[in-house]
Amino acid sequence: MLVNEPGHYTIHMSQGGSFSLMFTWKDSNGDLVDLTSCSGKLPIFKKIKIPTAPFESLELAYTFETSPGSGMTLGDSAGTILLEATADDTAGFEWEDAVYDLYITFTGGDVTRLLDGHVVLAARLGG
């Protein structure tokens, strides 16, 4: 299932709080996309301001993926993509602005960039 243009979605997280977000992928006919035997990856890159340059740099901050214990679960024929992070994981998140891409890899090797967007982090104010 190839997508010509990725969708855009802003992810909201709370620093130090548990995080869970589920997407359901449907094709242009409204049918669920079967993700059986697929793998997925969602790297988050924090933007680093460079004071002496007119541009920003990106630094890998966190990655959700379908390897065991890596925070991403695909729902096979249900077409779901579940992202989860523990409160301990998110406690270590520190960024003002971050961006992500969500990639799904099919068994034949085709890779689809399904979503992209910003990750907004609500900073923890106290212990």
PDB file of N, CA and C in Angstrom:
ATOM      1  N   MET A   1       0.859  -1.168   0.000  1.00  0.00           N
ATOM      2  CA  MET A   1       0.000   0.000   0.000  1.00  0.00           C
ATOM      3  C   MET A   1       0.898   1.221   0.000  1.00  0.00           C
ATOM      4  N   LEU A   2       0.999   1.899  -1.090  1.00  0.00           N
ATOM      5  CA  LEU A   2       1.827   3.086  -1.188  1.00  0.00           C
ATOM      6  C   LEU A   2       0.960   4.330  -1.044  1.00  0.00           C
ATOM      7  N   VAL A   3       1.504   5.331  -0.404  1.00  0.00           N
ATOM      8  CA  VAL A   3       0.821   6.600  -0.207  1.00  0.00           C
ATOM      9  C   VAL A   3       1.626   7.659  -0.942  1.00  0.00           C
ATOM     10  N   ASN A   4       0.966   8.434  -1.797  1.00  0.00           N
ATOM     11  CA  ASN A   4       1.685   9.461  -2.554  1.00  0.00           C
ATOM     12  C   ASN A   4       2.189  10.586  -1.661  1.00  0.00           C
ATOM     13  N   GLU A   5       1.365  11.048  -0.761  1.00  0.00           N
ATOM     14  CA  GLU A   5       1.736  12.122   0.156  1.00  0.00           C
ATOM     15  C   GLU A   5       1.392  11.678   1.569  1.00  0.00           C
ATOM     16  N   PRO A   6       2.309  11.863   2.502  1.00  0.00           N
ATOM     17  CA  PRO A   6       1.986  11.474   3.877  1.00  0.00           C
ATOM     18  C   PRO A   6       0.933  12.408   4.466  1.00  0.00           C
ATOM     19  N   GLY A   7       0.189  11.889   5.435  1.00  0.00           N
ATOM     20  CA  GLY A   7      -0.719  12.738   6.189  1.00  0.00           C
ATOM     21  C   GLY A   7       0.087  13.538   7.199  1.00  0.00           C
ATOM     22  N   HIS A   8      -0.521  14.574   7.721  1.00  0.00           N
ATOM     23  CA  HIS A   8       0.152  15.435   8.701  1.00  0.00           C
ATOM     24  C   HIS A   8      -0.640  15.386  10.002  1.00  0.00           C
ATOM     25  N   TYR A   9       0.065  15.166  11.114  1.00  0.00           N
ATOM     26  CA  TYR A   9      -0.588  15.051  12.405  1.00  0.00           C
ATOM     27  C   TYR A   9       0.381  15.541  13.479  1.00  0.00           C
ATOM     28  N   THR A  10      -0.118  16.347  14.408  1.00  0.00           N
ATOM     29  CA  THR A  10       0.687  16.804  15.525  1.00  0.00           C
ATOM     30  C   THR A  10       0.459  15.876  16.708  1.00  0.00           C
ATOM     31  N   ILE A  11       1.539  15.315  17.225  1.00  0.00           N
ATOM     32  CA  ILE A  11       1.493  14.440  18.392  1.00  0.00           C
ATOM     33  C   ILE A  11       1.728  15.293  19.638  1.00  0.00           C
ATOM     34  N   HIS A  12       0.903  15.091  20.651  1.00  0.00           N
ATOM     35  CA  HIS A  12       1.045  15.802  21.924  1.00  0.00           C
ATOM     36  C   HIS A  12       1.432  14.805  23.013  1.00  0.00           C
ATOM     37  N   MET A  13       2.476  15.142  23.764  1.00  0.00           N
ATOM     38  CA  MET A  13       2.956  14.298  24.867  1.00  0.00           C
ATOM     39  C   MET A  13       3.144  15.170  26.101  1.00  0.00           C
ATOM     40  N   SER A  14       3.111  14.519  27.278  1.00  0.00           N
ATOM     41  CA  SER A  14       3.412  15.202  28.538  1.00  0.00           C
ATOM     42  C   SER A  14       4.688  14.613  29.111  1.00  0.00           C
ATOM     43  N   GLN A  15       5.655  15.464  29.399  1.00  0.00           N
ATOM     44  CA  GLN A  15       6.919  15.016  29.972  1.00  0.00           C
ATOM     45  C   GLN A  15       6.647  14.377  31.333  1.00  0.00           C
ATOM     46  N   GLY A  16       7.123  13.155  31.537  1.00  0.00           N
ATOM     47  CA  GLY A  16       6.938  12.458  32.799  1.00  0.00           C
ATOM     48  C   GLY A  16       5.599  11.747  32.928  1.00  0.00           C
ATOM     49  N   GLY A  17       4.788  11.744  31.869  1.00  0.00           N
ATOM     50  CA  GLY A  17       3.499  11.052  31.892  1.00  0.00           C
ATOM     51  C   GLY A  17       3.506   9.879  30.934  1.00  0.00           C
ATOM     52  N   SER A  18       2.695   8.878  31.225  1.00  0.00           N
ATOM     53  CA  SER A  18       2.553   7.754  30.294  1.00  0.00           C
ATOM     54  C   SER A  18       1.943   8.263  29.001  1.00  0.00           C
ATOM     55  N   PHE A  19       2.337   7.656  27.888  1.00  0.00           N
ATOM     56  CA  PHE A  19       1.872   8.095  26.568  1.00  0.00           C
ATOM     57  C   PHE A  19       1.327   6.901  25.809  1.00  0.00           C
ATOM     58  N   SER A  20       0.159   7.087  25.189  1.00  0.00           N
ATOM     59  CA  SER A  20      -0.434   6.066  24.342  1.00  0.00           C
ATOM     60  C   SER A  20      -1.242   6.758  23.253  1.00  0.00           C
ATOM     61  N   LEU A  21      -1.033   6.343  22.014  1.00  0.00           N
ATOM     62  CA  LEU A  21      -1.737   6.927  20.875  1.00  0.00           C
ATOM     63  C   LEU A  21      -1.939   5.842  19.828  1.00  0.00           C
ATOM     64  N   MET A  22      -3.166   5.737  19.315  1.00  0.00           N
ATOM     65  CA  MET A  22      -3.452   4.729  18.294  1.00  0.00           C
ATOM     66  C   MET A  22      -3.981   5.402  17.032  1.00  0.00           C
ATOM     67  N   PHE A  23      -3.425   4.990  15.909  1.00  0.00           N
ATOM     68  CA  PHE A  23      -3.892   5.391  14.588  1.00  0.00           C
ATOM     69  C   PHE A  23      -4.549   4.176  13.936  1.00  0.00           C
ATOM     70  N   THR A  24      -5.542   4.407  13.090  1.00  0.00           N
ATOM     71  CA  THR A  24      -6.110   3.348  12.262  1.00  0.00           C
ATOM     72  C   THR A  24      -5.934   3.761  10.812  1.00  0.00           C
ATOM     73  N   TRP A  25      -5.262   2.910  10.026  1.00  0.00           N
ATOM     74  CA  TRP A  25      -4.972   3.212   8.633  1.00  0.00           C
ATOM     75  C   TRP A  25      -6.035   2.588   7.747  1.00  0.00           C
ATOM     76  N   LYS A  26      -6.687   3.453   6.970  1.00  0.00           N
ATOM     77  CA  LYS A  26      -7.682   3.005   5.986  1.00  0.00           C
ATOM     78  C   LYS A  26      -7.242   3.477   4.612  1.00  0.00           C
ATOM     79  N   ASP A  27      -7.568   2.702   3.591  1.00  0.00           N
ATOM     80  CA  ASP A  27      -7.218   3.096   2.222  1.00  0.00           C
ATOM     81  C   ASP A  27      -8.228   4.110   1.701  1.00  0.00           C
ATOM     82  N   SER A  28      -8.074   4.522   0.460  1.00  0.00           N
ATOM     83  CA  SER A  28      -8.933   5.561  -0.124  1.00  0.00           C
ATOM     84  C   SER A  28     -10.387   5.126  -0.250  1.00  0.00           C
ATOM     85  N   ASN A  29     -10.662   3.819  -0.155  1.00  0.00           N
ATOM     86  CA  ASN A  29     -12.038   3.306  -0.185  1.00  0.00           C
ATOM     87  C   ASN A  29     -12.631   3.167   1.211  1.00  0.00           C
ATOM     88  N   GLY A  30     -11.830   3.484   2.244  1.00  0.00           N
ATOM     89  CA  GLY A  30     -12.297   3.354   3.615  1.00  0.00           C
ATOM     90  C   GLY A  30     -12.081   1.979   4.208  1.00  0.00           C
ATOM     91  N   ASP A  31     -11.381   1.098   3.477  1.00  0.00           N
ATOM     92  CA  ASP A  31     -11.096  -0.246   3.968  1.00  0.00           C
ATOM     93  C   ASP A  31      -9.833  -0.233   4.822  1.00  0.00           C
ATOM     94  N   LEU A  32      -9.823  -1.058   5.869  1.00  0.00           N
ATOM     95  CA  LEU A  32      -8.649  -1.160   6.736  1.00  0.00           C
ATOM     96  C   LEU A  32      -7.469  -1.715   5.952  1.00  0.00           C
ATOM     97  N   VAL A  33      -6.294  -1.174   6.202  1.00  0.00           N
ATOM     98  CA  VAL A  33      -5.067  -1.670   5.569  1.00  0.00           C
ATOM     99  C   VAL A  33      -4.512  -2.785   6.447  1.00  0.00           C
ATOM    100  N   ASP A  34      -4.277  -3.945   5.863  1.00  0.00           N
ATOM    101  CA  ASP A  34      -3.760  -5.103   6.588  1.00  0.00           C
ATOM    102  C   ASP A  34      -2.262  -4.920   6.826  1.00  0.00           C
ATOM    103  N   LEU A  35      -1.884  -4.844   8.085  1.00  0.00           N
ATOM    104  CA  LEU A  35      -0.486  -4.624   8.453  1.00  0.00           C
ATOM    105  C   LEU A  35       0.205  -5.910   8.929  1.00  0.00           C
ATOM    106  N   THR A  36      -0.421  -7.057   8.648  1.00  0.00           N
ATOM    107  CA  THR A  36       0.164  -8.339   9.019  1.00  0.00           C
ATOM    108  C   THR A  36       1.544  -8.479   8.375  1.00  0.00           C
ATOM    109  N   SER A  37       2.519  -8.869   9.150  1.00  0.00           N
ATOM    110  CA  SER A  37       3.914  -9.077   8.722  1.00  0.00           C
ATOM    111  C   SER A  37       4.635  -7.788   8.338  1.00  0.00           C
ATOM    112  N   CYS A  38       4.031  -6.641   8.603  1.00  0.00           N
ATOM    113  CA  CYS A  38       4.713  -5.363   8.350  1.00  0.00           C
ATOM    114  C   CYS A  38       5.556  -4.988   9.561  1.00  0.00           C
ATOM    115  N   SER A  39       6.443  -4.035   9.351  1.00  0.00           N
ATOM    116  CA  SER A  39       7.183  -3.445  10.467  1.00  0.00           C
ATOM    117  C   SER A  39       7.001  -1.935  10.393  1.00  0.00           C
ATOM    118  N   GLY A  40       7.280  -1.268  11.489  1.00  0.00           N
ATOM    119  CA  GLY A  40       7.094   0.177  11.518  1.00  0.00           C
ATOM    120  C   GLY A  40       8.182   0.863  12.309  1.00  0.00           C
ATOM    121  N   LYS A  41       8.338   2.151  12.028  1.00  0.00           N
ATOM    122  CA  LYS A  41       9.348   2.951  12.721  1.00  0.00           C
ATOM    123  C   LYS A  41       8.893   4.402  12.736  1.00  0.00           C
ATOM    124  N   LEU A  42       9.038   5.044  13.889  1.00  0.00           N
ATOM    125  CA  LEU A  42       8.707   6.454  14.025  1.00  0.00           C
ATOM    126  C   LEU A  42       9.817   7.130  14.821  1.00  0.00           C
ATOM    127  N   PRO A  43      10.826   7.668  14.128  1.00  0.00           N
ATOM    128  CA  PRO A  43      11.869   8.415  14.827  1.00  0.00           C
ATOM    129  C   PRO A  43      11.404   9.845  15.114  1.00  0.00           C
ATOM    130  N   ILE A  44      11.755  10.341  16.296  1.00  0.00           N
ATOM    131  CA  ILE A  44      11.473  11.729  16.675  1.00  0.00           C
ATOM    132  C   ILE A  44      12.808  12.463  16.702  1.00  0.00           C
ATOM    133  N   PHE A  45      12.856  13.570  15.992  1.00  0.00           N
ATOM    134  CA  PHE A  45      14.067  14.394  15.929  1.00  0.00           C
ATOM    135  C   PHE A  45      13.799  15.737  16.580  1.00  0.00           C
ATOM    136  N   LYS A  46      14.620  16.089  17.570  1.00  0.00           N
ATOM    137  CA  LYS A  46      14.472  17.418  18.150  1.00  0.00           C
ATOM    138  C   LYS A  46      15.262  18.406  17.312  1.00  0.00           C
ATOM    139  N   LYS A  47      14.700  19.599  17.208  1.00  0.00           N
ATOM    140  CA  LYS A  47      15.365  20.657  16.449  1.00  0.00           C
ATOM    141  C   LYS A  47      16.349  21.373  17.362  1.00  0.00           C
ATOM    142  N   ILE A  48      17.551  21.554  16.857  1.00  0.00           N
ATOM    143  CA  ILE A  48      18.612  22.228  17.600  1.00  0.00           C
ATOM    144  C   ILE A  48      18.897  23.559  16.907  1.00  0.00           C
ATOM    145  N   LYS A  49      18.732  24.635  17.648  1.00  0.00           N
ATOM    146  CA  LYS A  49      19.024  25.960  17.084  1.00  0.00           C
ATOM    147  C   LYS A  49      20.534  26.177  17.085  1.00  0.00           C
ATOM    148  N   ILE A  50      21.030  26.667  15.979  1.00  0.00           N
ATOM    149  CA  ILE A  50      22.456  26.971  15.848  1.00  0.00           C
ATOM    150  C   ILE A  50      22.585  28.492  15.854  1.00  0.00           C
ATOM    151  N   PRO A  51      23.119  29.064  16.951  1.00  0.00           N
ATOM    152  CA  PRO A  51      23.129  30.526  17.087  1.00  0.00           C
ATOM    153  C   PRO A  51      23.858  31.259  15.970  1.00  0.00           C
ATOM    154  N   THR A  52      24.883  30.631  15.401  1.00  0.00           N
ATOM    155  CA  THR A  52      25.685  31.331  14.393  1.00  0.00           C
ATOM    156  C   THR A  52      25.241  31.019  12.965  1.00  0.00           C
ATOM    157  N   ALA A  53      24.137  30.307  12.826  1.00  0.00           N
ATOM    158  CA  ALA A  53      23.691  29.923  11.481  1.00  0.00           C
ATOM    159  C   ALA A  53      22.199  30.232  11.321  1.00  0.00           C
ATOM    160  N   PRO A  54      21.763  30.458  10.093  1.00  0.00           N
ATOM    161  CA  PRO A  54      20.347  30.769   9.851  1.00  0.00           C
ATOM    162  C   PRO A  54      19.470  29.520   9.697  1.00  0.00           C
ATOM    163  N   PHE A  55      19.912  28.389  10.231  1.00  0.00           N
ATOM    164  CA  PHE A  55      19.141  27.153  10.073  1.00  0.00           C
ATOM    165  C   PHE A  55      19.215  26.338  11.356  1.00  0.00           C
ATOM    166  N   GLU A  56      18.460  25.258  11.385  1.00  0.00           N
ATOM    167  CA  GLU A  56      18.430  24.361  12.532  1.00  0.00           C
ATOM    168  C   GLU A  56      19.012  23.005  12.143  1.00  0.00           C
ATOM    169  N   SER A  57      19.472  22.293  13.130  1.00  0.00           N
ATOM    170  CA  SER A  57      19.960  20.938  12.941  1.00  0.00           C
ATOM    171  C   SER A  57      18.971  19.991  13.611  1.00  0.00           C
ATOM    172  N   LEU A  58      18.949  18.729  13.185  1.00  0.00           N
ATOM    173  CA  LEU A  58      18.083  17.737  13.796  1.00  0.00           C
ATOM    174  C   LEU A  58      18.923  16.706  14.532  1.00  0.00           C
ATOM    175  N   GLU A  59      18.450  16.318  15.723  1.00  0.00           N
ATOM    176  CA  GLU A  59      19.133  15.302  16.520  1.00  0.00           C
ATOM    177  C   GLU A  59      18.099  14.259  16.944  1.00  0.00           C
ATOM    178  N   LEU A  60      18.416  12.986  16.724  1.00  0.00           N
ATOM    179  CA  LEU A  60      17.502  11.913  17.100  1.00  0.00           C
ATOM    180  C   LEU A  60      17.266  11.947  18.606  1.00  0.00           C
ATOM    181  N   ALA A  61      15.987  12.020  19.007  1.00  0.00           N
ATOM    182  CA  ALA A  61      15.638  12.105  20.422  1.00  0.00           C
ATOM    183  C   ALA A  61      15.022  10.810  20.951  1.00  0.00           C
ATOM    184  N   TYR A  62      14.282  10.088  20.113  1.00  0.00           N
ATOM    185  CA  TYR A  62      13.585   8.870  20.554  1.00  0.00           C
ATOM    186  C   TYR A  62      13.081   8.155  19.315  1.00  0.00           C
ATOM    187  N   THR A  63      12.941   6.832  19.400  1.00  0.00           N
ATOM    188  CA  THR A  63      12.404   6.069  18.278  1.00  0.00           C
ATOM    189  C   THR A  63      11.398   5.042  18.782  1.00  0.00           C
ATOM    190  N   PHE A  64      10.206   5.086  18.203  1.00  0.00           N
ATOM    191  CA  PHE A  64       9.233   4.011  18.369  1.00  0.00           C
ATOM    192  C   PHE A  64       9.460   3.052  17.211  1.00  0.00           C
ATOM    193  N   GLU A  65       9.472   1.753  17.475  1.00  0.00           N
ATOM    194  CA  GLU A  65       9.554   0.777  16.395  1.00  0.00           C
ATOM    195  C   GLU A  65       8.934  -0.536  16.833  1.00  0.00           C
ATOM    196  N   THR A  66       8.754  -1.423  15.873  1.00  0.00           N
ATOM    197  CA  THR A  66       8.030  -2.662  16.143  1.00  0.00           C
ATOM    198  C   THR A  66       8.878  -3.766  16.746  1.00  0.00           C
ATOM    199  N   SER A  67      10.173  -3.524  17.009  1.00  0.00           N
ATOM    200  CA  SER A  67      10.957  -4.543  17.717  1.00  0.00           C
ATOM    201  C   SER A  67      10.376  -4.678  19.128  1.00  0.00           C
ATOM    202  N   PRO A  68      10.469  -5.865  19.723  1.00  0.00           N
ATOM    203  CA  PRO A  68       9.900  -6.073  21.055  1.00  0.00           C
ATOM    204  C   PRO A  68      10.381  -5.029  22.064  1.00  0.00           C
ATOM    205  N   GLY A  69       9.433  -4.454  22.796  1.00  0.00           N
ATOM    206  CA  GLY A  69       9.753  -3.477  23.826  1.00  0.00           C
ATOM    207  C   GLY A  69      10.098  -2.099  23.313  1.00  0.00           C
ATOM    208  N   SER A  70       9.861  -1.830  22.039  1.00  0.00           N
ATOM    209  CA  SER A  70      10.257  -0.541  21.460  1.00  0.00           C
ATOM    210  C   SER A  70       9.083   0.408  21.217  1.00  0.00           C
ATOM    211  N   GLY A  71       7.918   0.100  21.805  1.00  0.00           N
ATOM    212  CA  GLY A  71       6.839   1.072  21.860  1.00  0.00           C
ATOM    213  C   GLY A  71       5.886   1.164  20.691  1.00  0.00           C
ATOM    214  N   MET A  72       6.022   0.309  19.672  1.00  0.00           N
ATOM    215  CA  MET A  72       5.089   0.341  18.547  1.00  0.00           C
ATOM    216  C   MET A  72       4.537  -1.057  18.319  1.00  0.00           C
ATOM    217  N   THR A  73       3.206  -1.128  18.229  1.00  0.00           N
ATOM    218  CA  THR A  73       2.531  -2.397  17.954  1.00  0.00           C
ATOM    219  C   THR A  73       1.600  -2.207  16.771  1.00  0.00           C
ATOM    220  N   LEU A  74       1.731  -3.080  15.771  1.00  0.00           N
ATOM    221  CA  LEU A  74       0.841  -3.036  14.608  1.00  0.00           C
ATOM    222  C   LEU A  74      -0.282  -4.037  14.819  1.00  0.00           C
ATOM    223  N   GLY A  75      -1.508  -3.635  14.457  1.00  0.00           N
ATOM    224  CA  GLY A  75      -2.694  -4.438  14.709  1.00  0.00           C
ATOM    225  C   GLY A  75      -3.107  -5.345  13.581  1.00  0.00           C
ATOM    226  N   ASP A  76      -2.155  -5.784  12.775  1.00  0.00           N
ATOM    227  CA  ASP A  76      -2.411  -6.745  11.699  1.00  0.00           C
ATOM    228  C   ASP A  76      -3.602  -6.313  10.835  1.00  0.00           C
ATOM    229  N   SER A  77      -4.630  -7.164  10.706  1.00  0.00           N
ATOM    230  CA  SER A  77      -5.748  -6.861   9.795  1.00  0.00           C
ATOM    231  C   SER A  77      -6.641  -5.729  10.300  1.00  0.00           C
ATOM    232  N   ALA A  78      -6.504  -5.326  11.563  1.00  0.00           N
ATOM    233  CA  ALA A  78      -7.287  -4.206  12.103  1.00  0.00           C
ATOM    234  C   ALA A  78      -6.748  -2.866  11.618  1.00  0.00           C
ATOM    235  N   GLY A  79      -5.550  -2.856  11.026  1.00  0.00           N
ATOM    236  CA  GLY A  79      -4.981  -1.628  10.481  1.00  0.00           C
ATOM    237  C   GLY A  79      -4.526  -0.623  11.514  1.00  0.00           C
ATOM    238  N   THR A  80      -4.340  -1.068  12.752  1.00  0.00           N
ATOM    239  CA  THR A  80      -3.983  -0.122  13.807  1.00  0.00           C
ATOM    240  C   THR A  80      -2.479  -0.037  14.024  1.00  0.00           C
ATOM    241  N   ILE A  81      -2.065   1.146  14.483  1.00  0.00           N
ATOM    242  CA  ILE A  81      -0.677   1.424  14.829  1.00  0.00           C
ATOM    243  C   ILE A  81      -0.727   2.047  16.220  1.00  0.00           C
ATOM    244  N   LEU A  82      -0.208   1.333  17.213  1.00  0.00           N
ATOM    245  CA  LEU A  82      -0.241   1.789  18.597  1.00  0.00           C
ATOM    246  C   LEU A  82       1.155   2.221  19.020  1.00  0.00           C
ATOM    247  N   LEU A  83       1.244   3.447  19.546  1.00  0.00           N
ATOM    248  CA  LEU A  83       2.491   3.973  20.094  1.00  0.00           C
ATOM    249  C   LEU A  83       2.329   4.074  21.604  1.00  0.00           C
ATOM    250  N   GLU A  84       3.327   3.589  22.348  1.00  0.00           N
ATOM    251  CA  GLU A  84       3.279   3.664  23.801  1.00  0.00           C
ATOM    252  C   GLU A  84       4.661   3.975  24.358  1.00  0.00           C
ATOM    253  N   ALA A  85       4.688   4.841  25.382  1.00  0.00           N
ATOM    254  CA  ALA A  85       5.925   5.151  26.096  1.00  0.00           C
ATOM    255  C   ALA A  85       5.586   5.252  27.574  1.00  0.00           C
ATOM    256  N   THR A  86       6.494   4.789  28.407  1.00  0.00           N
ATOM    257  CA  THR A  86       6.277   4.839  29.849  1.00  0.00           C
ATOM    258  C   THR A  86       6.547   6.249  30.380  1.00  0.00           C
ATOM    259  N   ALA A  87       6.100   6.490  31.605  1.00  0.00           N
ATOM    260  CA  ALA A  87       6.373   7.770  32.256  1.00  0.00           C
ATOM    261  C   ALA A  87       7.879   7.977  32.421  1.00  0.00           C
ATOM    262  N   ASP A  88       8.610   6.878  32.688  1.00  0.00           N
ATOM    263  CA  ASP A  88      10.067   6.984  32.806  1.00  0.00           C
ATOM    264  C   ASP A  88      10.698   7.399  31.479  1.00  0.00           C
ATOM    265  N   ASP A  89      10.170   6.847  30.369  1.00  0.00           N
ATOM    266  CA  ASP A  89      10.681   7.246  29.045  1.00  0.00           C
ATOM    267  C   ASP A  89      10.460   8.732  28.807  1.00  0.00           C
ATOM    268  N   THR A  90       9.227   9.182  28.997  1.00  0.00           N
ATOM    269  CA  THR A  90       8.909  10.575  28.658  1.00  0.00           C
ATOM    270  C   THR A  90       9.553  11.565  29.629  1.00  0.00           C
ATOM    271  N   ALA A  91       9.907  11.110  30.832  1.00  0.00           N
ATOM    272  CA  ALA A  91      10.586  12.006  31.783  1.00  0.00           C
ATOM    273  C   ALA A  91      11.912  12.497  31.214  1.00  0.00           C
ATOM    274  N   GLY A  92      12.527  11.680  30.358  1.00  0.00           N
ATOM    275  CA  GLY A  92      13.808  12.055  29.762  1.00  0.00           C
ATOM    276  C   GLY A  92      13.685  12.885  28.491  1.00  0.00           C
ATOM    277  N   PHE A  93      12.468  13.116  28.026  1.00  0.00           N
ATOM    278  CA  PHE A  93      12.279  13.906  26.800  1.00  0.00           C
ATOM    279  C   PHE A  93      12.508  15.382  27.116  1.00  0.00           C
ATOM    280  N   GLU A  94      13.354  16.016  26.325  1.00  0.00           N
ATOM    281  CA  GLU A  94      13.621  17.441  26.501  1.00  0.00           C
ATOM    282  C   GLU A  94      13.796  18.068  25.136  1.00  0.00           C
ATOM    283  N   TRP A  95      12.798  18.817  24.721  1.00  0.00           N
ATOM    284  CA  TRP A  95      12.907  19.563  23.472  1.00  0.00           C
ATOM    285  C   TRP A  95      11.881  20.668  23.459  1.00  0.00           C
ATOM    286  N   GLU A  96      12.167  21.689  22.686  1.00  0.00           N
ATOM    287  CA  GLU A  96      11.206  22.762  22.469  1.00  0.00           C
ATOM    288  C   GLU A  96      10.392  22.492  21.212  1.00  0.00           C
ATOM    289  N   ASP A  97      11.046  21.910  20.218  1.00  0.00           N
ATOM    290  CA  ASP A  97      10.368  21.614  18.960  1.00  0.00           C
ATOM    291  C   ASP A  97      10.952  20.317  18.416  1.00  0.00           C
ATOM    292  N   ALA A  98      10.077  19.417  18.009  1.00  0.00           N
ATOM    293  CA  ALA A  98      10.525  18.144  17.454  1.00  0.00           C
ATOM    294  C   ALA A  98       9.627  17.767  16.280  1.00  0.00           C
ATOM    295  N   VAL A  99      10.165  16.928  15.405  1.00  0.00           N
ATOM    296  CA  VAL A  99       9.430  16.467  14.222  1.00  0.00           C
ATOM    297  C   VAL A  99       9.576  14.958  14.110  1.00  0.00           C
ATOM    298  N   TYR A 100       8.674  14.331  13.372  1.00  0.00           N
ATOM    299  CA  TYR A 100       8.714  12.876  13.198  1.00  0.00           C
ATOM    300  C   TYR A 100       8.240  12.498  11.807  1.00  0.00           C
ATOM    301  N   ASP A 101       8.551  11.275  11.430  1.00  0.00           N
ATOM    302  CA  ASP A 101       8.000  10.605  10.246  1.00  0.00           C
ATOM    303  C   ASP A 101       7.602   9.207  10.706  1.00  0.00           C
ATOM    304  N   LEU A 102       6.461   8.712  10.223  1.00  0.00           N
ATOM    305  CA  LEU A 102       6.023   7.353  10.511  1.00  0.00           C
ATOM    306  C   LEU A 102       6.163   6.529   9.247  1.00  0.00           C
ATOM    307  N   TYR A 103       7.019   5.495   9.308  1.00  0.00           N
ATOM    308  CA  TYR A 103       7.281   4.616   8.171  1.00  0.00           C
ATOM    309  C   TYR A 103       6.707   3.229   8.445  1.00  0.00           C
ATOM    310  N   ILE A 104       6.055   2.656   7.443  1.00  0.00           N
ATOM    311  CA  ILE A 104       5.594   1.277   7.491  1.00  0.00           C
ATOM    312  C   ILE A 104       6.291   0.528   6.360  1.00  0.00           C
ATOM    313  N   THR A 105       6.896  -0.614   6.680  1.00  0.00           N
ATOM    314  CA  THR A 105       7.588  -1.439   5.686  1.00  0.00           C
ATOM    315  C   THR A 105       6.797  -2.725   5.486  1.00  0.00           C
ATOM    316  N   PHE A 106       6.445  -2.994   4.239  1.00  0.00           N
ATOM    317  CA  PHE A 106       5.697  -4.199   3.883  1.00  0.00           C
ATOM    318  C   PHE A 106       6.668  -5.342   3.604  1.00  0.00           C
ATOM    319  N   THR A 107       6.151  -6.580   3.642  1.00  0.00           N
ATOM    320  CA  THR A 107       7.009  -7.752   3.500  1.00  0.00           C
ATOM    321  C   THR A 107       7.766  -7.765   2.173  1.00  0.00           C
ATOM    322  N   GLY A 108       7.216  -7.189   1.129  1.00  0.00           N
ATOM    323  CA  GLY A 108       7.894  -7.146  -0.163  1.00  0.00           C
ATOM    324  C   GLY A 108       9.000  -6.107  -0.223  1.00  0.00           C
ATOM    325  N   GLY A 109       9.142  -5.307   0.840  1.00  0.00           N
ATOM    326  CA  GLY A 109      10.203  -4.298   0.877  1.00  0.00           C
ATOM    327  C   GLY A 109       9.736  -2.887   0.605  1.00  0.00           C
ATOM    328  N   ASP A 110       8.480  -2.708   0.155  1.00  0.00           N
ATOM    329  CA  ASP A 110       7.967  -1.353  -0.070  1.00  0.00           C
ATOM    330  C   ASP A 110       7.860  -0.623   1.265  1.00  0.00           C
ATOM    331  N   VAL A 111       8.306   0.629   1.276  1.00  0.00           N
ATOM    332  CA  VAL A 111       8.240   1.463   2.472  1.00  0.00           C
ATOM    333  C   VAL A 111       7.304   2.626   2.192  1.00  0.00           C
ATOM    334  N   THR A 112       6.356   2.840   3.102  1.00  0.00           N
ATOM    335  CA  THR A 112       5.419   3.941   2.987  1.00  0.00           C
ATOM    336  C   THR A 112       5.649   4.922   4.122  1.00  0.00           C
ATOM    337  N   ARG A 113       5.836   6.184   3.776  1.00  0.00           N
ATOM    338  CA  ARG A 113       5.885   7.250   4.780  1.00  0.00           C
ATOM    339  C   ARG A 113       4.441   7.681   4.982  1.00  0.00           C
ATOM    340  N   LEU A 114       3.832   7.178   6.035  1.00  0.00           N
ATOM    341  CA  LEU A 114       2.407   7.345   6.248  1.00  0.00           C
ATOM    342  C   LEU A 114       2.044   8.701   6.835  1.00  0.00           C
ATOM    343  N   LEU A 115       2.793   9.152   7.820  1.00  0.00           N
ATOM    344  CA  LEU A 115       2.513  10.413   8.510  1.00  0.00           C
ATOM    345  C   LEU A 115       3.798  11.170   8.768  1.00  0.00           C
ATOM    346  N   ASP A 116       3.654  12.480   8.938  1.00  0.00           N
ATOM    347  CA  ASP A 116       4.741  13.295   9.458  1.00  0.00           C
ATOM    348  C   ASP A 116       4.125  14.440  10.236  1.00  0.00           C
ATOM    349  N   GLY A 117       4.947  15.126  10.983  1.00  0.00           N
ATOM    350  CA  GLY A 117       4.431  16.266  11.734  1.00  0.00           C
ATOM    351  C   GLY A 117       5.331  16.650  12.883  1.00  0.00           C
ATOM    352  N   HIS A 118       4.766  17.456  13.767  1.00  0.00           N
ATOM    353  CA  HIS A 118       5.478  17.947  14.942  1.00  0.00           C
ATOM    354  C   HIS A 118       5.104  17.112  16.159  1.00  0.00           C
ATOM    355  N   VAL A 119       6.008  17.107  17.138  1.00  0.00           N
ATOM    356  CA  VAL A 119       5.734  16.499  18.429  1.00  0.00           C
ATOM    357  C   VAL A 119       5.818  17.612  19.474  1.00  0.00           C
ATOM    358  N   VAL A 120       4.681  17.905  20.078  1.00  0.00           N
ATOM    359  CA  VAL A 120       4.604  18.956  21.082  1.00  0.00           C
ATOM    360  C   VAL A 120       4.752  18.309  22.451  1.00  0.00           C
ATOM    361  N   LEU A 121       5.688  18.799  23.233  1.00  0.00           N
ATOM    362  CA  LEU A 121       5.967  18.253  24.555  1.00  0.00           C
ATOM    363  C   LEU A 121       5.545  19.267  25.603  1.00  0.00           C
ATOM    364  N   ALA A 122       4.598  18.871  26.459  1.00  0.00           N
ATOM    365  CA  ALA A 122       4.220  19.704  27.595  1.00  0.00           C
ATOM    366  C   ALA A 122       5.196  19.407  28.713  1.00  0.00           C
ATOM    367  N   ALA A 123       6.033  20.385  29.054  1.00  0.00           N
ATOM    368  CA  ALA A 123       7.093  20.197  30.038  1.00  0.00           C
ATOM    369  C   ALA A 123       6.513  20.012  31.432  1.00  0.00           C
ATOM    370  N   ARG A 124       7.155  19.130  32.201  1.00  0.00           N
ATOM    371  CA  ARG A 124       6.757  18.910  33.596  1.00  0.00           C
ATOM    372  C   ARG A 124       7.216  20.113  34.406  1.00  0.00           C
ATOM    373  N   LEU A 125       6.332  20.637  35.229  1.00  0.00           N
ATOM    374  CA  LEU A 125       6.660  21.832  36.004  1.00  0.00           C
ATOM    375  C   LEU A 125       7.220  21.514  37.385  1.00  0.00           C
ATOM    376  N   GLY A 126       6.975  20.330  37.863  1.00  0.00           N
ATOM    377  CA  GLY A 126       7.471  19.975  39.190  1.00  0.00           C
ATOM    378  C   GLY A 126       7.596  18.474  39.325  1.00  0.00           C
ATOM    379  N   GLY A 127       8.150  18.013  40.437  1.00  0.00           N
ATOM    380  CA  GLY A 127       8.432  16.622  40.712  1.00  0.00           C
ATOM    381  C   GLY A 127       7.292  15.717  40.573  1.00  0.00           C
TER     382      GLY A 127
END
